[in-house]
Amino acid sequence: QVQLVESGGGSVQAGGSLRLSCAASGYTASTYYMGWFRQAPGKEREGVSVIRTGGTSTYYTDSVKGRFTISQDNAKNTLYLQMNSLKPEDTAMYYCAATGTWAGWTGMFDPVRYNYWGQGTQVTVSS
C-alpha cells in the first residue's frame, strides 16, 4: 500500500527557513515523479515544485524560484523541500504527491496528474 507522510512544517517569521520531508513507503520513490503542492485557505491547490524520477530534473513555480529547493534521498525513500527566505504568502498546507506518469513539466503542476497524496503539513509564516 502506497503511503506518503509529510513532516517538518511549523511557524516561522518572514525570512526564515523550513525543510519539509515526505517519507514514501509501499513503492520506490525514485521510480516515480513527485511533487510538492500547497493550498492556502480559500484557494485552489497549486503546484510548487516537481522532480523527475532519479532527480534528473527539477521544476519550480515562479513564486518560489531561487528560494525553494526540491531534492530526493533514494536511500531513505524520502522527498524534501528546503524553503528559504520564507514570505507570509507562503503560508499554506503543504502536500507531497506521487505519480508514475510523466505529463510534461507544465502538466506536472496540475494536481489531477497525481495518484498518491500525503496528509499535509502546515507552514505558517508571520510578518
C-alpha atoms as a PDB file:
ATOM      1  CA  GLN A   1       0.000   0.000   0.000  1.00  0.00           C
ATOM      2  CA  VAL A   2       1.432   3.353  -1.056  1.00  0.00           C
ATOM      3  CA  GLN A   3       1.857   5.881   1.732  1.00  0.00           C
ATOM      4  CA  LEU A   4       3.282   9.381   1.823  1.00  0.00           C
ATOM      5  CA  VAL A   5       3.865  11.077   5.159  1.00  0.00           C
ATOM      6  CA  GLU A   6       4.925  14.721   5.345  1.00  0.00           C
ATOM      7  CA  SER A   7       6.680  16.376   8.257  1.00  0.00           C
ATOM      8  CA  GLY A   8       8.702  19.483   9.011  1.00  0.00           C
ATOM      9  CA  GLY A   9       6.061  22.173   8.888  1.00  0.00           C
ATOM     10  CA  GLY A  10       5.796  24.850  11.535  1.00  0.00           C
ATOM     11  CA  SER A  11       5.592  28.543  12.269  1.00  0.00           C
ATOM     12  CA  VAL A  12       8.419  30.888  11.327  1.00  0.00           C
ATOM     13  CA  GLN A  13       8.959  34.583  10.826  1.00  0.00           C
ATOM     14  CA  ALA A  14       9.406  36.072   7.394  1.00  0.00           C
ATOM     15  CA  GLY A  15      12.903  35.442   6.109  1.00  0.00           C
ATOM     16  CA  GLY A  16      13.191  32.167   7.979  1.00  0.00           C
ATOM     17  CA  SER A  17      13.663  28.636   6.686  1.00  0.00           C
ATOM     18  CA  LEU A  18      11.996  25.256   6.970  1.00  0.00           C
ATOM     19  CA  ARG A  19      12.710  21.859   5.459  1.00  0.00           C
ATOM     20  CA  LEU A  20       9.771  19.649   4.649  1.00  0.00           C
ATOM     21  CA  SER A  21      10.161  15.892   4.372  1.00  0.00           C
ATOM     22  CA  CYS A  22       7.953  13.325   2.678  1.00  0.00           C
ATOM     23  CA  ALA A  23       8.616   9.708   3.610  1.00  0.00           C
ATOM     24  CA  ALA A  24       7.391   7.243   0.999  1.00  0.00           C
ATOM     25  CA  SER A  25       6.510   3.613   1.606  1.00  0.00           C
ATOM     26  CA  GLY A  26       4.904   0.862  -0.424  1.00  0.00           C
ATOM     27  CA  TYR A  27       6.881   1.765  -3.551  1.00  0.00           C
ATOM     28  CA  THR A  28      10.265   3.106  -4.574  1.00  0.00           C
ATOM     29  CA  ALA A  29      10.108   6.878  -4.690  1.00  0.00           C
ATOM     30  CA  SER A  30      12.980   7.133  -7.152  1.00  0.00           C
ATOM     31  CA  THR A  31      10.869   5.384  -9.801  1.00  0.00           C
ATOM     32  CA  TYR A  32       8.016   7.871  -9.528  1.00  0.00           C
ATOM     33  CA  TYR A  33       7.579  11.510 -10.396  1.00  0.00           C
ATOM     34  CA  MET A  34       6.994  13.506  -7.264  1.00  0.00           C
ATOM     35  CA  GLY A  35       5.829  16.979  -6.436  1.00  0.00           C
ATOM     36  CA  TRP A  36       5.114  19.433  -3.669  1.00  0.00           C
ATOM     37  CA  PHE A  37       1.827  21.285  -3.647  1.00  0.00           C
ATOM     38  CA  ARG A  38       0.301  23.821  -1.309  1.00  0.00           C
ATOM     39  CA  GLN A  39      -3.148  25.063  -0.507  1.00  0.00           C
ATOM     40  CA  ALA A  40      -3.991  28.219   1.382  1.00  0.00           C
ATOM     41  CA  PRO A  41      -7.450  28.756   2.910  1.00  0.00           C
ATOM     42  CA  GLY A  42      -9.983  29.680   0.246  1.00  0.00           C
ATOM     43  CA  LYS A  43      -7.548  28.999  -2.584  1.00  0.00           C
ATOM     44  CA  GLU A  44      -7.007  26.162  -5.009  1.00  0.00           C
ATOM     45  CA  ARG A  45      -4.205  23.681  -4.539  1.00  0.00           C
ATOM     46  CA  GLU A  46      -1.173  24.830  -6.525  1.00  0.00           C
ATOM     47  CA  GLY A  47       1.983  23.095  -7.652  1.00  0.00           C
ATOM     48  CA  VAL A  48       5.164  24.337  -6.013  1.00  0.00           C
ATOM     49  CA  SER A  49       7.897  22.045  -7.293  1.00  0.00           C
ATOM     50  CA  VAL A  50       8.303  18.818  -9.252  1.00  0.00           C
ATOM     51  CA  ILE A  51      11.161  16.339  -9.532  1.00  0.00           C
ATOM     52  CA  ARG A  52      11.593  13.749 -12.253  1.00  0.00           C
ATOM     53  CA  THR A  53      12.497  10.158 -11.448  1.00  0.00           C
ATOM     54  CA  GLY A  54      16.067   9.835 -10.254  1.00  0.00           C
ATOM     55  CA  GLY A  55      16.189  13.554  -9.556  1.00  0.00           C
ATOM     56  CA  THR A  56      17.393  14.270 -13.078  1.00  0.00           C
ATOM     57  CA  SER A  57      15.339  17.426 -13.449  1.00  0.00           C
ATOM     58  CA  THR A  58      13.594  19.808 -11.095  1.00  0.00           C
ATOM     59  CA  TYR A  59      10.964  22.445 -11.748  1.00  0.00           C
ATOM     60  CA  TYR A  60       9.562  25.304  -9.690  1.00  0.00           C
ATOM     61  CA  THR A  61       6.659  27.657  -9.864  1.00  0.00           C
ATOM     62  CA  ASP A  62       7.839  31.233 -10.428  1.00  0.00           C
ATOM     63  CA  SER A  63       6.954  32.486  -6.968  1.00  0.00           C
ATOM     64  CA  VAL A  64       9.424  30.135  -5.247  1.00  0.00           C
ATOM     65  CA  LYS A  65      12.306  30.049  -7.727  1.00  0.00           C
ATOM     66  CA  GLY A  66      15.585  30.851  -6.037  1.00  0.00           C
ATOM     67  CA  ARG A  67      14.110  30.280  -2.577  1.00  0.00           C
ATOM     68  CA  PHE A  68      12.913  26.646  -2.546  1.00  0.00           C
ATOM     69  CA  THR A  69      14.863  23.522  -3.440  1.00  0.00           C
ATOM     70  CA  ILE A  70      13.370  20.083  -4.063  1.00  0.00           C
ATOM     71  CA  SER A  71      15.529  17.017  -3.585  1.00  0.00           C
ATOM     72  CA  GLN A  72      15.289  13.295  -3.094  1.00  0.00           C
ATOM     73  CA  ASP A  73      17.222  10.814  -0.957  1.00  0.00           C
ATOM     74  CA  ASN A  74      16.745   7.499  -2.723  1.00  0.00           C
ATOM     75  CA  ALA A  75      18.385   5.508   0.077  1.00  0.00           C
ATOM     76  CA  LYS A  76      15.812   6.851   2.534  1.00  0.00           C
ATOM     77  CA  ASN A  77      12.938   6.878   0.028  1.00  0.00           C
ATOM     78  CA  THR A  78      12.301  10.456   1.090  1.00  0.00           C
ATOM     79  CA  LEU A  79      11.462  13.671  -0.738  1.00  0.00           C
ATOM     80  CA  TYR A  80      12.480  17.063   0.649  1.00  0.00           C
ATOM     81  CA  LEU A  81      11.588  20.696   0.128  1.00  0.00           C
ATOM     82  CA  GLN A  82      14.081  23.184   1.517  1.00  0.00           C
ATOM     83  CA  MET A  83      12.337  26.533   1.896  1.00  0.00           C
ATOM     84  CA  ASN A  84      14.433  29.642   2.478  1.00  0.00           C
ATOM     85  CA  SER A  85      13.578  33.339   2.640  1.00  0.00           C
ATOM     86  CA  LEU A  86      10.021  32.466   3.534  1.00  0.00           C
ATOM     87  CA  LYS A  87       7.303  35.051   2.982  1.00  0.00           C
ATOM     88  CA  PRO A  88       3.846  35.405   4.559  1.00  0.00           C
ATOM     89  CA  GLU A  89       2.334  34.453   1.200  1.00  0.00           C
ATOM     90  CA  ASP A  90       3.994  31.041   1.508  1.00  0.00           C
ATOM     91  CA  THR A  91       1.613  30.236   4.354  1.00  0.00           C
ATOM     92  CA  ALA A  92      -0.375  27.124   3.395  1.00  0.00           C
ATOM     93  CA  MET A  93      -0.846  23.433   3.942  1.00  0.00           C
ATOM     94  CA  TYR A  94       1.903  21.671   2.020  1.00  0.00           C
ATOM     95  CA  TYR A  95       1.382  18.263   0.430  1.00  0.00           C
ATOM     96  CA  CYS A  96       3.652  15.834  -1.338  1.00  0.00           C
ATOM     97  CA  ALA A  97       2.309  13.735  -4.175  1.00  0.00           C
ATOM     98  CA  ALA A  98       3.483  10.959  -6.474  1.00  0.00           C
ATOM     99  CA  THR A  99       2.601   9.542  -9.852  1.00  0.00           C
ATOM    100  CA  GLY A 100       4.069   7.021 -12.248  1.00  0.00           C
ATOM    101  CA  THR A 101       3.151   9.005 -15.376  1.00  0.00           C
ATOM    102  CA  TRP A 102       5.018  11.996 -16.788  1.00  0.00           C
ATOM    103  CA  ALA A 103       2.725  14.658 -18.264  1.00  0.00           C
ATOM    104  CA  GLY A 104       5.280  17.259 -19.291  1.00  0.00           C
ATOM    105  CA  TRP A 105       6.762  19.792 -16.946  1.00  0.00           C
ATOM    106  CA  THR A 106       3.740  22.103 -17.104  1.00  0.00           C
ATOM    107  CA  GLY A 107       1.268  19.247 -16.740  1.00  0.00           C
ATOM    108  CA  MET A 108       3.017  18.010 -13.648  1.00  0.00           C
ATOM    109  CA  PHE A 109       1.961  21.143 -11.771  1.00  0.00           C
ATOM    110  CA  ASP A 110      -1.678  20.061 -12.117  1.00  0.00           C
ATOM    111  CA  PRO A 111      -2.841  18.145  -9.015  1.00  0.00           C
ATOM    112  CA  VAL A 112      -5.064  15.868 -11.103  1.00  0.00           C
ATOM    113  CA  ARG A 113      -1.940  14.205 -12.535  1.00  0.00           C
ATOM    114  CA  TYR A 114      -1.078  12.611  -9.194  1.00  0.00           C
ATOM    115  CA  ASN A 115      -2.334   9.319  -7.811  1.00  0.00           C
ATOM    116  CA  TYR A 116      -0.947   9.413  -4.298  1.00  0.00           C
ATOM    117  CA  TRP A 117      -1.057  12.150  -1.683  1.00  0.00           C
ATOM    118  CA  GLY A 118       0.175  12.715   1.825  1.00  0.00           C
ATOM    119  CA  GLN A 119      -1.923  14.190   4.614  1.00  0.00           C
ATOM    120  CA  GLY A 120      -0.177  17.568   4.520  1.00  0.00           C
ATOM    121  CA  THR A 121       1.934  19.638   6.873  1.00  0.00           C
ATOM    122  CA  GLN A 122       1.104  23.233   7.848  1.00  0.00           C
ATOM    123  CA  VAL A 123       3.522  26.072   7.148  1.00  0.00           C
ATOM    124  CA  THR A 124       2.779  29.458   8.701  1.00  0.00           C
ATOM    125  CA  VAL A 125       4.958  32.494   8.014  1.00  0.00           C
ATOM    126  CA  SER A 126       4.398  35.632  10.051  1.00  0.00           C
ATOM    127  CA  SER A 127       5.490  39.118   9.054  1.00  0.00           C
END
